[in-house]
């Protein structure tokens, strides 16, 4: 995708309308048990399916899995550079339209994401951009996470 200025609403919406396909996958991130354990300690979510490898072996996924919100928290790293929006001074997370955890992320797997620009809306202080993000375990067709992300770009 060509670089687009955050305040060129028409160009952003034309780019969004040009395809209903996601872009290419970005860089992958390995999900380690240490990462999961640290996340569990930070959030207080110590459910055995995440933090007890021995018990989880007999569980529904055959081992521990990442917290859904751990996977979500990796989005800044997973989508870095995938939307070539330029010219802004500041960018903030504006929230979400939808979030779905569809498939587990097993410990030891790698995840990667792909992005699709959906639309842009002019606001008084900047531009609200909506994107769709799909996070997959590398090698899996079914996404683990689908997220409609709202990002606010300010000049």
Protein backbone atom coordinates (compact mmCIF):
# COMPACT_ATOMS: atom_id res chain seq x y z
CA UNK A 1 0.00 0.00 0.00
CA UNK A 2 1.22 3.49 -0.86
CA UNK A 3 1.90 5.93 1.98
CA UNK A 4 -1.20 7.91 2.88
CA UNK A 5 -1.46 11.11 4.90
CA UNK A 6 -3.58 10.78 8.01
CA UNK A 7 -5.61 13.87 7.02
CA UNK A 8 -6.32 12.83 3.41
CA UNK A 9 -9.71 11.28 4.16
CA UNK A 10 -10.61 10.72 0.51
CA UNK A 11 -7.35 8.85 -0.23
CA UNK A 12 -7.71 6.73 2.91
CA UNK A 13 -11.28 5.78 2.02
CA UNK A 14 -10.35 5.11 -1.61
CA UNK A 15 -7.58 2.77 -0.41
CA UNK A 16 -10.07 1.03 1.89
CA UNK A 17 -12.60 0.63 -0.94
CA UNK A 18 -9.96 -0.64 -3.35
CA UNK A 19 -9.88 -4.11 -1.79
CA UNK A 20 -11.75 -6.28 0.62
CA UNK A 21 -8.61 -8.35 1.22
CA UNK A 22 -6.17 -8.26 4.09
CA UNK A 23 -2.58 -7.28 3.40
CA UNK A 24 0.38 -9.59 3.88
CA UNK A 25 1.30 -11.03 7.28
CA UNK A 26 3.80 -9.03 9.30
CA UNK A 27 6.62 -10.32 11.48
CA UNK A 28 5.86 -13.17 13.85
CA UNK A 29 6.20 -13.33 17.63
CA UNK A 30 6.83 -16.55 19.56
CA UNK A 31 4.53 -17.19 22.51
CA UNK A 32 6.59 -18.62 25.39
CA UNK A 33 5.48 -20.00 28.71
CA UNK A 34 7.58 -17.32 30.41
CA UNK A 35 5.62 -14.62 28.53
CA UNK A 36 2.33 -16.24 29.57
CA UNK A 37 3.44 -16.53 33.21
CA UNK A 38 4.51 -12.87 33.32
CA UNK A 39 1.17 -11.82 31.82
CA UNK A 40 -0.65 -13.98 34.39
CA UNK A 41 1.26 -12.30 37.21
CA UNK A 42 0.52 -8.82 35.87
CA UNK A 43 -3.20 -9.47 35.37
CA UNK A 44 -3.86 -11.91 38.20
CA UNK A 45 -5.30 -14.43 35.70
CA UNK A 46 -3.64 -17.66 36.84
CA UNK A 47 -6.14 -20.06 35.28
CA UNK A 48 -4.47 -23.47 34.94
CA UNK A 49 -5.07 -23.59 31.20
CA UNK A 50 -2.46 -20.83 30.91
CA UNK A 51 0.01 -21.45 33.73
CA UNK A 52 0.01 -25.15 34.64
CA UNK A 53 1.74 -27.11 31.83
CA UNK A 54 1.30 -30.52 33.53
CA UNK A 55 -2.42 -30.13 34.17
CA UNK A 56 -2.96 -28.49 30.77
CA UNK A 57 -1.50 -31.55 28.99
CA UNK A 58 -4.70 -33.39 29.91
CA UNK A 59 -6.88 -30.37 29.12
CA UNK A 60 -8.82 -29.51 25.98
CA UNK A 61 -5.82 -28.08 24.09
CA UNK A 62 -3.12 -30.59 25.03
CA UNK A 63 -1.00 -27.92 26.70
CA UNK A 64 -1.07 -24.37 27.91
CA UNK A 65 -2.39 -21.58 25.74
CA UNK A 66 -1.89 -17.82 25.70
CA UNK A 67 -4.46 -15.57 27.31
CA UNK A 68 -6.65 -13.93 24.69
CA UNK A 69 -5.75 -10.53 26.08
CA UNK A 70 -2.04 -11.38 25.90
CA UNK A 71 -2.49 -12.03 22.19
CA UNK A 72 -4.42 -8.78 21.85
CA UNK A 73 -1.71 -6.86 23.73
CA UNK A 74 0.83 -7.89 21.07
CA UNK A 75 -0.97 -5.97 18.31
CA UNK A 76 1.30 -2.90 18.37
CA UNK A 77 4.25 -5.17 17.64
CA UNK A 78 2.38 -7.44 15.22
CA UNK A 79 0.94 -4.66 13.02
CA UNK A 80 3.93 -2.31 13.10
CA UNK A 81 4.46 -0.80 9.67
CA UNK A 82 1.50 -2.51 8.01
CA UNK A 83 -0.53 0.67 7.56
CA UNK A 84 1.67 3.30 5.90
CA UNK A 85 -0.15 6.32 7.35
CA UNK A 86 2.07 9.40 7.57
CA UNK A 87 2.05 13.07 8.57
CA UNK A 88 0.59 12.71 12.04
CA UNK A 89 2.08 14.09 15.23
CA UNK A 90 0.41 11.66 17.61
CA UNK A 91 -1.60 8.47 17.40
CA UNK A 92 -3.74 6.87 20.11
CA UNK A 93 -5.75 3.70 20.57
CA UNK A 94 -9.39 4.78 20.34
CA UNK A 95 -10.91 1.40 21.19
CA UNK A 96 -12.64 -1.35 19.30
CA UNK A 97 -15.79 -2.07 17.40
CA UNK A 98 -15.48 -5.84 17.79
CA UNK A 99 -13.14 -8.35 19.35
CA UNK A 100 -13.38 -12.11 18.93
CA UNK A 101 -11.13 -14.85 20.29
CA UNK A 102 -11.71 -17.64 17.80
CA UNK A 103 -8.96 -20.24 18.18
CA UNK A 104 -6.37 -20.99 20.87
CA UNK A 105 -2.75 -19.84 20.70
CA UNK A 106 -0.66 -22.76 21.99
CA UNK A 107 2.46 -22.12 24.01
CA UNK A 108 5.52 -22.36 21.78
CA UNK A 109 3.64 -21.30 18.66
CA UNK A 110 4.32 -18.15 16.70
CA UNK A 111 1.64 -15.63 15.81
CA UNK A 112 1.51 -13.04 13.06
CA UNK A 113 -1.09 -10.53 11.94
CA UNK A 114 -2.48 -8.97 8.82
CA UNK A 115 -4.43 -5.74 8.50
CA UNK A 116 -7.14 -4.33 6.31
CA UNK A 117 -8.05 -0.64 6.18
CA UNK A 118 -11.84 -0.25 6.51
CA UNK A 119 -12.49 3.51 6.58
CA UNK A 120 -11.46 6.93 7.82
CA UNK A 121 -13.61 9.62 9.39
CA UNK A 122 -12.65 13.29 9.76
CA UNK A 123 -12.92 14.56 13.35
CA UNK A 124 -12.24 18.03 14.77
CA UNK A 125 -8.88 17.03 16.25
CA UNK A 126 -7.75 14.53 13.61
CA UNK A 127 -8.75 11.38 11.78
CA UNK A 128 -10.39 8.24 13.14
CA UNK A 129 -9.22 5.18 11.20
CA UNK A 130 -10.93 1.82 11.43
CA UNK A 131 -8.99 -1.31 10.53
CA UNK A 132 -9.65 -5.00 10.72
CA UNK A 133 -6.85 -7.11 12.18
CA UNK A 134 -6.56 -10.89 11.99
CA UNK A 135 -4.02 -12.66 14.21
CA UNK A 136 -3.15 -16.22 13.20
CA UNK A 137 -0.93 -18.91 14.60
CA UNK A 138 1.71 -19.27 11.90
CA UNK A 139 0.62 -22.05 9.53
CA UNK A 140 -3.05 -21.95 10.54
CA UNK A 141 -5.80 -20.79 8.18
CA UNK A 142 -8.27 -20.00 10.96
CA UNK A 143 -7.51 -16.79 12.84
CA UNK A 144 -7.03 -16.87 16.59
CA UNK A 145 -8.20 -13.30 17.02
CA UNK A 146 -10.27 -10.91 14.94
CA UNK A 147 -10.32 -7.27 15.96
CA UNK A 148 -11.90 -4.14 14.50
CA UNK A 149 -9.48 -1.53 15.77
CA UNK A 150 -10.11 2.21 16.04
CA UNK A 151 -7.03 4.44 15.89
CA UNK A 152 -7.04 8.22 16.21
CA UNK A 153 -4.39 10.14 14.28
CA UNK A 154 -3.69 13.78 15.20
CA UNK A 155 -1.68 16.38 13.30
